[in-house]
Amino acid sequence: MRRKDYPSDLSGYRLIIHCGACTLTRREMLWRIERAAAAGIPVTNYGMAISVLKGVAERTLSPFPSALEAYRTETSCKNREAVT
C-alpha cells in the first residue's frame, strides 16, 4: 500500500493498526503516521495490538518498571474515558 493506496479521508477510523511497514520506506511510514496524527487518530502496529489484546503487554514491559507504570497509567486513563 503506497500513498495512492492509503485512504485520503481518515475520518471514518478510530484506530489505525498498521503492518510493520517492511516494504515501505521510512519516509512513507512517517507520512502515514503524520496524516493519522493530523486527523487525531492513534496508530499502532500488529505486534502491539496483539500483545495488548492477548494480555501479554504488561508481562513484556515488566523488566522496565517505569515503562510498565506509564502503560498502566495510560491504559487506566483511557479505560475511564471510555466508560464516561
N, C-alpha and C. Protein backbone atom coordinates (compact mmCIF):
# COMPACT_ATOMS: atom_id res chain seq x y z
N MET A 1 0.85 -1.18 0.00
CA MET A 1 0.00 0.00 0.00
C MET A 1 0.89 1.24 0.00
N ARG A 2 0.81 2.01 -1.01
CA ARG A 2 1.57 3.26 -1.10
C ARG A 2 0.61 4.43 -0.93
N ARG A 3 1.13 5.63 -1.05
CA ARG A 3 0.29 6.81 -0.86
C ARG A 3 -0.99 6.74 -1.67
N LYS A 4 -0.88 6.25 -2.88
CA LYS A 4 -2.08 6.19 -3.72
C LYS A 4 -3.08 5.18 -3.16
N ASP A 5 -2.59 4.22 -2.34
CA ASP A 5 -3.46 3.21 -1.75
C ASP A 5 -3.92 3.57 -0.34
N TYR A 6 -3.32 4.58 0.26
CA TYR A 6 -3.66 4.98 1.62
C TYR A 6 -4.91 5.86 1.56
N PRO A 7 -5.89 5.63 2.41
CA PRO A 7 -7.13 6.41 2.34
C PRO A 7 -6.86 7.91 2.45
N SER A 8 -7.49 8.68 1.60
CA SER A 8 -7.31 10.13 1.67
C SER A 8 -8.13 10.73 2.82
N ASP A 9 -9.22 10.06 3.18
CA ASP A 9 -10.07 10.53 4.27
C ASP A 9 -10.00 9.51 5.41
N LEU A 10 -9.36 9.90 6.50
CA LEU A 10 -9.20 9.00 7.64
C LEU A 10 -10.29 9.20 8.70
N SER A 11 -11.22 10.08 8.45
CA SER A 11 -12.22 10.43 9.47
C SER A 11 -13.11 9.26 9.88
N GLY A 12 -13.21 8.23 9.09
CA GLY A 12 -14.04 7.09 9.44
C GLY A 12 -13.34 6.08 10.34
N TYR A 13 -12.11 6.36 10.73
CA TYR A 13 -11.33 5.43 11.54
C TYR A 13 -11.16 5.97 12.95
N ARG A 14 -11.18 5.05 13.93
CA ARG A 14 -10.92 5.43 15.32
C ARG A 14 -9.53 4.98 15.75
N LEU A 15 -8.97 4.02 15.04
CA LEU A 15 -7.63 3.49 15.32
C LEU A 15 -7.08 2.91 14.03
N ILE A 16 -5.79 3.11 13.80
CA ILE A 16 -5.13 2.51 12.65
C ILE A 16 -4.15 1.46 13.19
N ILE A 17 -4.38 0.21 12.81
CA ILE A 17 -3.44 -0.87 13.14
C ILE A 17 -2.69 -1.16 11.85
N HIS A 18 -1.42 -0.81 11.85
CA HIS A 18 -0.61 -0.88 10.64
C HIS A 18 0.34 -2.07 10.70
N CYS A 19 0.73 -2.53 9.55
CA CYS A 19 1.75 -3.58 9.49
C CYS A 19 3.09 -2.98 9.94
N GLY A 20 4.11 -3.80 9.98
CA GLY A 20 5.43 -3.34 10.37
C GLY A 20 6.11 -2.48 9.32
N ALA A 21 5.51 -2.35 8.16
CA ALA A 21 5.99 -1.48 7.08
C ALA A 21 7.33 -1.91 6.51
N CYS A 22 7.57 -3.21 6.47
CA CYS A 22 8.86 -3.68 5.96
C CYS A 22 9.04 -3.42 4.46
N THR A 23 7.96 -3.20 3.73
CA THR A 23 8.10 -2.91 2.30
C THR A 23 7.94 -1.43 1.99
N LEU A 24 7.80 -0.62 3.04
CA LEU A 24 7.67 0.83 2.86
C LEU A 24 8.97 1.52 3.21
N THR A 25 9.17 2.67 2.67
CA THR A 25 10.33 3.46 3.07
C THR A 25 10.01 4.16 4.39
N ARG A 26 11.05 4.59 5.07
CA ARG A 26 10.86 5.33 6.32
C ARG A 26 10.02 6.58 6.06
N ARG A 27 10.33 7.24 4.97
CA ARG A 27 9.62 8.46 4.61
C ARG A 27 8.12 8.20 4.43
N GLU A 28 7.77 7.10 3.76
CA GLU A 28 6.37 6.75 3.53
C GLU A 28 5.66 6.46 4.84
N MET A 29 6.31 5.72 5.73
CA MET A 29 5.67 5.38 7.00
C MET A 29 5.49 6.63 7.86
N LEU A 30 6.48 7.49 7.88
CA LEU A 30 6.36 8.74 8.65
C LEU A 30 5.23 9.60 8.09
N TRP A 31 5.08 9.61 6.78
CA TRP A 31 3.99 10.36 6.16
C TRP A 31 2.65 9.84 6.64
N ARG A 32 2.51 8.51 6.71
CA ARG A 32 1.26 7.91 7.17
C ARG A 32 0.99 8.24 8.63
N ILE A 33 2.01 8.16 9.45
CA ILE A 33 1.85 8.49 10.87
C ILE A 33 1.48 9.96 11.03
N GLU A 34 2.11 10.83 10.28
CA GLU A 34 1.78 12.26 10.34
C GLU A 34 0.35 12.53 9.91
N ARG A 35 -0.11 11.86 8.86
CA ARG A 35 -1.50 12.01 8.41
C ARG A 35 -2.48 11.59 9.51
N ALA A 36 -2.19 10.47 10.14
CA ALA A 36 -3.05 9.98 11.22
C ALA A 36 -3.03 10.95 12.39
N ALA A 37 -1.86 11.43 12.75
CA ALA A 37 -1.74 12.38 13.86
C ALA A 37 -2.52 13.66 13.57
N ALA A 38 -2.42 14.14 12.35
CA ALA A 38 -3.15 15.36 11.97
C ALA A 38 -4.66 15.15 12.06
N ALA A 39 -5.10 13.91 11.83
CA ALA A 39 -6.53 13.60 11.92
C ALA A 39 -6.94 13.21 13.34
N GLY A 40 -5.97 13.14 14.26
CA GLY A 40 -6.26 12.79 15.64
C GLY A 40 -6.55 11.31 15.85
N ILE A 41 -5.97 10.47 14.99
CA ILE A 41 -6.22 9.03 15.07
C ILE A 41 -4.95 8.32 15.53
N PRO A 42 -5.04 7.55 16.61
CA PRO A 42 -3.85 6.83 17.07
C PRO A 42 -3.46 5.73 16.09
N VAL A 43 -2.15 5.44 16.07
CA VAL A 43 -1.60 4.41 15.18
C VAL A 43 -0.79 3.44 16.03
N THR A 44 -0.95 2.17 15.75
CA THR A 44 -0.12 1.15 16.37
C THR A 44 0.20 0.10 15.31
N ASN A 45 1.01 -0.87 15.67
CA ASN A 45 1.30 -1.93 14.70
C ASN A 45 0.67 -3.23 15.19
N TYR A 46 0.68 -4.24 14.32
CA TYR A 46 0.05 -5.51 14.64
C TYR A 46 0.62 -6.11 15.93
N GLY A 47 1.92 -6.07 16.08
CA GLY A 47 2.56 -6.67 17.26
C GLY A 47 2.05 -6.08 18.55
N MET A 48 1.96 -4.76 18.61
CA MET A 48 1.47 -4.11 19.83
C MET A 48 -0.01 -4.42 20.05
N ALA A 49 -0.79 -4.37 19.00
CA ALA A 49 -2.22 -4.65 19.13
C ALA A 49 -2.46 -6.06 19.64
N ILE A 50 -1.76 -7.02 19.08
CA ILE A 50 -1.92 -8.42 19.51
C ILE A 50 -1.45 -8.58 20.95
N SER A 51 -0.36 -7.94 21.31
CA SER A 51 0.16 -8.02 22.68
C SER A 51 -0.86 -7.52 23.70
N VAL A 52 -1.49 -6.42 23.39
CA VAL A 52 -2.50 -5.86 24.30
C VAL A 52 -3.74 -6.76 24.33
N LEU A 53 -4.21 -7.17 23.16
CA LEU A 53 -5.42 -7.98 23.09
C LEU A 53 -5.25 -9.35 23.75
N LYS A 54 -4.06 -9.90 23.69
CA LYS A 54 -3.81 -11.21 24.30
C LYS A 54 -3.37 -11.10 25.75
N GLY A 55 -3.22 -9.87 26.24
CA GLY A 55 -2.88 -9.68 27.65
C GLY A 55 -1.43 -9.90 28.01
N VAL A 56 -0.52 -9.81 27.06
CA VAL A 56 0.89 -10.02 27.37
C VAL A 56 1.70 -8.72 27.43
N ALA A 57 1.08 -7.60 27.16
CA ALA A 57 1.82 -6.33 27.13
C ALA A 57 2.46 -6.03 28.49
N GLU A 58 1.72 -6.25 29.57
CA GLU A 58 2.29 -5.97 30.90
C GLU A 58 3.47 -6.88 31.19
N ARG A 59 3.39 -8.13 30.81
CA ARG A 59 4.49 -9.07 31.06
C ARG A 59 5.73 -8.64 30.29
N THR A 60 5.55 -8.19 29.05
CA THR A 60 6.72 -7.80 28.25
C THR A 60 7.34 -6.50 28.77
N LEU A 61 6.54 -5.69 29.44
CA LEU A 61 7.08 -4.44 30.00
C LEU A 61 7.64 -4.61 31.41
N SER A 62 7.42 -5.76 32.03
CA SER A 62 7.82 -5.96 33.43
C SER A 62 9.32 -5.71 33.70
N PRO A 63 10.25 -5.96 32.77
CA PRO A 63 11.65 -5.63 33.06
C PRO A 63 11.92 -4.12 33.08
N PHE A 64 10.95 -3.33 32.68
CA PHE A 64 11.11 -1.87 32.61
C PHE A 64 10.04 -1.22 33.48
N PRO A 65 10.28 -1.12 34.79
CA PRO A 65 9.25 -0.66 35.73
C PRO A 65 8.63 0.69 35.39
N SER A 66 9.43 1.64 34.95
CA SER A 66 8.85 2.96 34.65
C SER A 66 7.96 2.88 33.40
N ALA A 67 8.36 2.08 32.42
CA ALA A 67 7.52 1.91 31.22
C ALA A 67 6.23 1.18 31.58
N LEU A 68 6.31 0.19 32.45
CA LEU A 68 5.12 -0.55 32.88
C LEU A 68 4.16 0.38 33.62
N GLU A 69 4.70 1.20 34.49
CA GLU A 69 3.85 2.15 35.22
C GLU A 69 3.19 3.15 34.28
N ALA A 70 3.95 3.64 33.31
CA ALA A 70 3.39 4.58 32.32
C ALA A 70 2.29 3.89 31.51
N TYR A 71 2.51 2.65 31.13
CA TYR A 71 1.50 1.88 30.38
C TYR A 71 0.23 1.72 31.22
N ARG A 72 0.40 1.33 32.48
CA ARG A 72 -0.77 1.15 33.35
C ARG A 72 -1.51 2.45 33.57
N THR A 73 -0.78 3.53 33.76
CA THR A 73 -1.42 4.84 33.96
C THR A 73 -2.19 5.24 32.71
N GLU A 74 -1.57 5.09 31.56
CA GLU A 74 -2.21 5.48 30.31
C GLU A 74 -3.45 4.63 30.02
N THR A 75 -3.33 3.32 30.19
CA THR A 75 -4.49 2.46 29.90
C THR A 75 -5.60 2.66 30.91
N SER A 76 -5.24 2.96 32.14
CA SER A 76 -6.25 3.23 33.16
C SER A 76 -7.01 4.51 32.82
N CYS A 77 -6.31 5.53 32.36
CA CYS A 77 -6.96 6.79 31.94
C CYS A 77 -7.87 6.54 30.74
N LYS A 78 -7.40 5.79 29.77
CA LYS A 78 -8.19 5.51 28.57
C LYS A 78 -9.44 4.71 28.93
N ASN A 79 -9.32 3.75 29.85
CA ASN A 79 -10.47 2.96 30.24
C ASN A 79 -11.51 3.82 30.94
N ARG A 80 -11.07 4.76 31.77
CA ARG A 80 -12.02 5.65 32.44
C ARG A 80 -12.72 6.55 31.44
N GLU A 81 -11.98 7.03 30.42
CA GLU A 81 -12.59 7.88 29.40
C GLU A 81 -13.63 7.11 28.60
N ALA A 82 -13.37 5.85 28.33
CA ALA A 82 -14.29 5.04 27.52
C ALA A 82 -15.59 4.78 28.26
N VAL A 83 -15.52 4.70 29.58
CA VAL A 83 -16.71 4.42 30.38
C VAL A 83 -17.59 5.66 30.51
N THR A 84 -16.96 6.82 30.60
CA THR A 84 -17.76 8.05 30.80
C THR A 84 -18.33 8.59 29.53
